[in-house]
């Protein structure tokens, strides 16, 4: 029987802090660009998934107890 290296199975973070902040900024730029073209934001528009993603990413980046982690769409 072969010995398996347990460090191989250790979970690695999916995104580091730089990637999280870049993704937040990119999502915000997409939404702001649409607003400058006349898009009116609402909860059921095509940008809703980006708002939810940004909410989750902000909480990951700043921490759950941060004032920047405001949960409007996820609980």
N, C-alpha and C. Protein backbone atom coordinates (compact mmCIF):
# COMPACT_ATOMS: atom_id res chain seq x y z
N UNK A 1 0.84 -1.17 0.00
CA UNK A 1 0.00 0.00 0.00
C UNK A 1 0.89 1.24 0.00
N UNK A 2 0.52 2.23 -0.77
CA UNK A 2 1.32 3.43 -0.95
C UNK A 2 0.93 4.51 0.06
N UNK A 3 1.94 5.18 0.60
CA UNK A 3 1.68 6.27 1.53
C UNK A 3 1.34 7.52 0.74
N UNK A 4 0.25 8.19 1.13
CA UNK A 4 -0.22 9.37 0.42
C UNK A 4 0.22 10.61 1.18
N UNK A 5 0.76 11.56 0.46
CA UNK A 5 1.18 12.82 1.07
C UNK A 5 -0.07 13.64 1.40
N UNK A 6 -0.33 13.87 2.69
CA UNK A 6 -1.54 14.57 3.10
C UNK A 6 -1.51 16.04 2.72
N UNK A 7 -0.33 16.63 2.56
CA UNK A 7 -0.25 18.03 2.16
C UNK A 7 -0.77 18.23 0.74
N UNK A 8 -0.74 17.17 -0.04
CA UNK A 8 -1.26 17.25 -1.39
C UNK A 8 -2.77 17.55 -1.39
N UNK A 9 -3.46 17.04 -0.38
CA UNK A 9 -4.91 17.20 -0.31
C UNK A 9 -5.33 18.43 0.50
N UNK A 10 -4.38 19.18 1.02
CA UNK A 10 -4.74 20.37 1.79
C UNK A 10 -5.41 21.38 0.87
N UNK A 11 -6.45 22.01 1.39
CA UNK A 11 -7.18 22.98 0.58
C UNK A 11 -6.37 24.26 0.43
N UNK A 12 -6.32 24.74 -0.78
CA UNK A 12 -5.64 25.99 -1.06
C UNK A 12 -6.70 27.05 -1.27
N UNK A 13 -6.43 28.29 -0.87
CA UNK A 13 -7.43 29.34 -1.11
C UNK A 13 -7.69 29.51 -2.61
N UNK A 14 -8.93 29.71 -2.95
CA UNK A 14 -9.31 29.85 -4.35
C UNK A 14 -8.79 31.17 -4.91
N UNK A 15 -8.92 32.23 -4.10
CA UNK A 15 -8.49 33.56 -4.55
C UNK A 15 -7.69 34.21 -3.42
N UNK A 16 -6.61 34.89 -3.79
CA UNK A 16 -5.90 35.66 -2.78
C UNK A 16 -6.51 37.07 -2.73
N UNK A 17 -6.02 37.89 -1.81
CA UNK A 17 -6.61 39.22 -1.61
C UNK A 17 -6.51 40.10 -2.85
N UNK A 18 -5.42 39.99 -3.60
CA UNK A 18 -5.28 40.78 -4.82
C UNK A 18 -6.31 40.40 -5.87
N UNK A 19 -6.56 39.11 -6.02
CA UNK A 19 -7.55 38.66 -7.00
C UNK A 19 -8.96 39.06 -6.57
N UNK A 20 -9.22 38.99 -5.26
CA UNK A 20 -10.54 39.40 -4.76
C UNK A 20 -10.78 40.87 -5.05
N UNK A 21 -9.81 41.72 -4.72
CA UNK A 21 -10.01 43.16 -4.95
C UNK A 21 -10.11 43.47 -6.44
N UNK A 22 -9.34 42.78 -7.27
CA UNK A 22 -9.42 43.00 -8.71
C UNK A 22 -10.79 42.61 -9.26
N UNK A 23 -11.34 41.51 -8.75
CA UNK A 23 -12.66 41.06 -9.19
C UNK A 23 -13.75 42.04 -8.77
N UNK A 24 -13.65 42.57 -7.55
CA UNK A 24 -14.62 43.56 -7.07
C UNK A 24 -14.59 44.80 -7.95
N UNK A 25 -13.38 45.30 -8.23
CA UNK A 25 -13.24 46.51 -9.05
C UNK A 25 -13.75 46.26 -10.46
N UNK A 26 -13.43 45.11 -11.04
CA UNK A 26 -13.89 44.78 -12.38
C UNK A 26 -15.43 44.73 -12.44
N UNK A 27 -16.05 44.08 -11.46
CA UNK A 27 -17.51 44.02 -11.42
C UNK A 27 -18.12 45.41 -11.30
N UNK A 28 -17.54 46.24 -10.43
CA UNK A 28 -18.06 47.61 -10.25
C UNK A 28 -17.91 48.42 -11.54
N UNK A 29 -16.80 48.24 -12.25
CA UNK A 29 -16.59 48.97 -13.50
C UNK A 29 -17.62 48.57 -14.55
N UNK A 30 -17.94 47.28 -14.62
CA UNK A 30 -18.95 46.83 -15.57
C UNK A 30 -20.32 47.45 -15.26
N UNK A 31 -20.67 47.48 -13.99
CA UNK A 31 -21.97 48.03 -13.60
C UNK A 31 -22.01 49.54 -13.81
N UNK A 32 -20.93 50.24 -13.48
CA UNK A 32 -20.88 51.70 -13.66
C UNK A 32 -20.90 52.07 -15.14
N UNK A 33 -20.23 51.28 -15.97
CA UNK A 33 -20.23 51.56 -17.41
C UNK A 33 -21.65 51.43 -17.97
N UNK A 34 -22.39 50.44 -17.50
CA UNK A 34 -23.77 50.28 -17.96
C UNK A 34 -24.64 51.44 -17.48
N UNK A 35 -24.37 51.94 -16.28
CA UNK A 35 -25.14 53.07 -15.76
C UNK A 35 -24.87 54.35 -16.57
N UNK A 36 -23.64 54.52 -17.02
CA UNK A 36 -23.33 55.71 -17.82
C UNK A 36 -24.00 55.64 -19.20
N UNK A 37 -24.35 54.42 -19.61
CA UNK A 37 -25.05 54.24 -20.89
C UNK A 37 -26.56 54.28 -20.71
N UNK A 38 -27.02 54.59 -19.49
CA UNK A 38 -28.45 54.75 -19.26
C UNK A 38 -29.13 53.61 -18.54
N UNK A 39 -28.39 52.59 -18.12
CA UNK A 39 -29.00 51.47 -17.40
C UNK A 39 -29.48 51.94 -16.03
N UNK A 40 -30.71 51.57 -15.69
CA UNK A 40 -31.27 51.88 -14.37
C UNK A 40 -31.18 50.62 -13.51
N UNK A 41 -30.37 50.63 -12.44
CA UNK A 41 -30.21 49.43 -11.62
C UNK A 41 -31.50 49.04 -10.90
N UNK A 42 -31.73 47.75 -10.82
CA UNK A 42 -32.82 47.20 -10.03
C UNK A 42 -32.41 45.81 -9.56
N UNK A 43 -33.16 45.27 -8.62
CA UNK A 43 -32.80 43.97 -8.05
C UNK A 43 -32.94 42.81 -9.02
N UNK A 44 -33.69 42.98 -10.08
CA UNK A 44 -33.92 41.86 -11.01
C UNK A 44 -33.27 42.08 -12.37
N UNK A 45 -32.24 42.91 -12.43
CA UNK A 45 -31.59 43.14 -13.72
C UNK A 45 -30.46 42.13 -13.95
N UNK A 46 -29.79 42.27 -15.08
CA UNK A 46 -28.74 41.31 -15.44
C UNK A 46 -27.49 41.44 -14.59
N UNK A 47 -27.36 42.51 -13.80
CA UNK A 47 -26.19 42.71 -12.95
C UNK A 47 -26.39 42.21 -11.52
N UNK A 48 -27.55 41.63 -11.23
CA UNK A 48 -27.80 41.13 -9.89
C UNK A 48 -26.77 40.08 -9.45
N UNK A 49 -26.39 39.13 -10.31
CA UNK A 49 -25.36 38.18 -9.89
C UNK A 49 -24.04 38.86 -9.52
N UNK A 50 -23.69 39.94 -10.20
CA UNK A 50 -22.46 40.66 -9.87
C UNK A 50 -22.56 41.34 -8.51
N UNK A 51 -23.74 41.86 -8.18
CA UNK A 51 -23.93 42.49 -6.87
C UNK A 51 -23.79 41.46 -5.75
N UNK A 52 -24.35 40.29 -5.96
CA UNK A 52 -24.25 39.22 -4.96
C UNK A 52 -22.80 38.77 -4.83
N UNK A 53 -22.11 38.63 -5.95
CA UNK A 53 -20.70 38.22 -5.93
C UNK A 53 -19.86 39.27 -5.20
N UNK A 54 -20.10 40.54 -5.47
CA UNK A 54 -19.35 41.59 -4.79
C UNK A 54 -19.60 41.58 -3.30
N UNK A 55 -20.83 41.33 -2.90
CA UNK A 55 -21.15 41.28 -1.48
C UNK A 55 -20.36 40.17 -0.79
N UNK A 56 -20.32 39.01 -1.40
CA UNK A 56 -19.58 37.88 -0.84
C UNK A 56 -18.08 38.17 -0.83
N UNK A 57 -17.57 38.72 -1.93
CA UNK A 57 -16.14 39.01 -2.01
C UNK A 57 -15.71 40.08 -1.00
N UNK A 58 -16.55 41.08 -0.79
CA UNK A 58 -16.21 42.11 0.21
C UNK A 58 -16.12 41.50 1.60
N UNK A 59 -17.03 40.59 1.92
CA UNK A 59 -16.98 39.95 3.23
C UNK A 59 -15.75 39.05 3.37
N UNK A 60 -15.35 38.41 2.28
CA UNK A 60 -14.12 37.61 2.32
C UNK A 60 -12.90 38.51 2.47
N UNK A 61 -12.90 39.63 1.79
CA UNK A 61 -11.74 40.53 1.79
C UNK A 61 -11.59 41.25 3.12
N UNK A 62 -12.67 41.85 3.61
CA UNK A 62 -12.60 42.67 4.82
C UNK A 62 -12.89 41.90 6.09
N UNK A 63 -13.59 40.79 6.00
CA UNK A 63 -13.97 40.02 7.18
C UNK A 63 -15.43 40.26 7.51
N UNK A 64 -16.05 39.26 8.12
CA UNK A 64 -17.48 39.31 8.41
C UNK A 64 -17.84 40.42 9.40
N UNK A 65 -16.93 40.78 10.28
CA UNK A 65 -17.25 41.79 11.29
C UNK A 65 -16.93 43.22 10.84
N UNK A 66 -16.51 43.38 9.61
CA UNK A 66 -16.16 44.70 9.08
C UNK A 66 -17.41 45.49 8.69
N UNK A 67 -17.36 46.83 8.82
CA UNK A 67 -18.49 47.64 8.35
C UNK A 67 -18.65 47.60 6.83
N UNK A 68 -17.64 47.14 6.11
CA UNK A 68 -17.72 47.02 4.65
C UNK A 68 -18.41 45.74 4.21
N UNK A 69 -18.63 44.84 5.15
CA UNK A 69 -19.33 43.59 4.87
C UNK A 69 -20.80 43.79 5.23
N UNK A 70 -21.55 44.32 4.28
CA UNK A 70 -22.98 44.56 4.49
C UNK A 70 -23.74 43.52 3.67
N UNK A 71 -24.58 42.77 4.34
CA UNK A 71 -25.34 41.71 3.67
C UNK A 71 -26.73 42.21 3.30
N UNK A 72 -26.91 42.47 2.02
CA UNK A 72 -28.22 42.85 1.51
C UNK A 72 -28.88 41.68 0.77
N UNK A 73 -28.08 40.90 0.06
CA UNK A 73 -28.61 39.85 -0.80
C UNK A 73 -28.36 38.46 -0.25
N UNK A 74 -27.35 38.29 0.59
CA UNK A 74 -27.05 36.98 1.16
C UNK A 74 -27.09 37.09 2.68
N UNK A 75 -27.45 36.03 3.32
CA UNK A 75 -27.51 36.01 4.79
C UNK A 75 -26.58 34.98 5.34
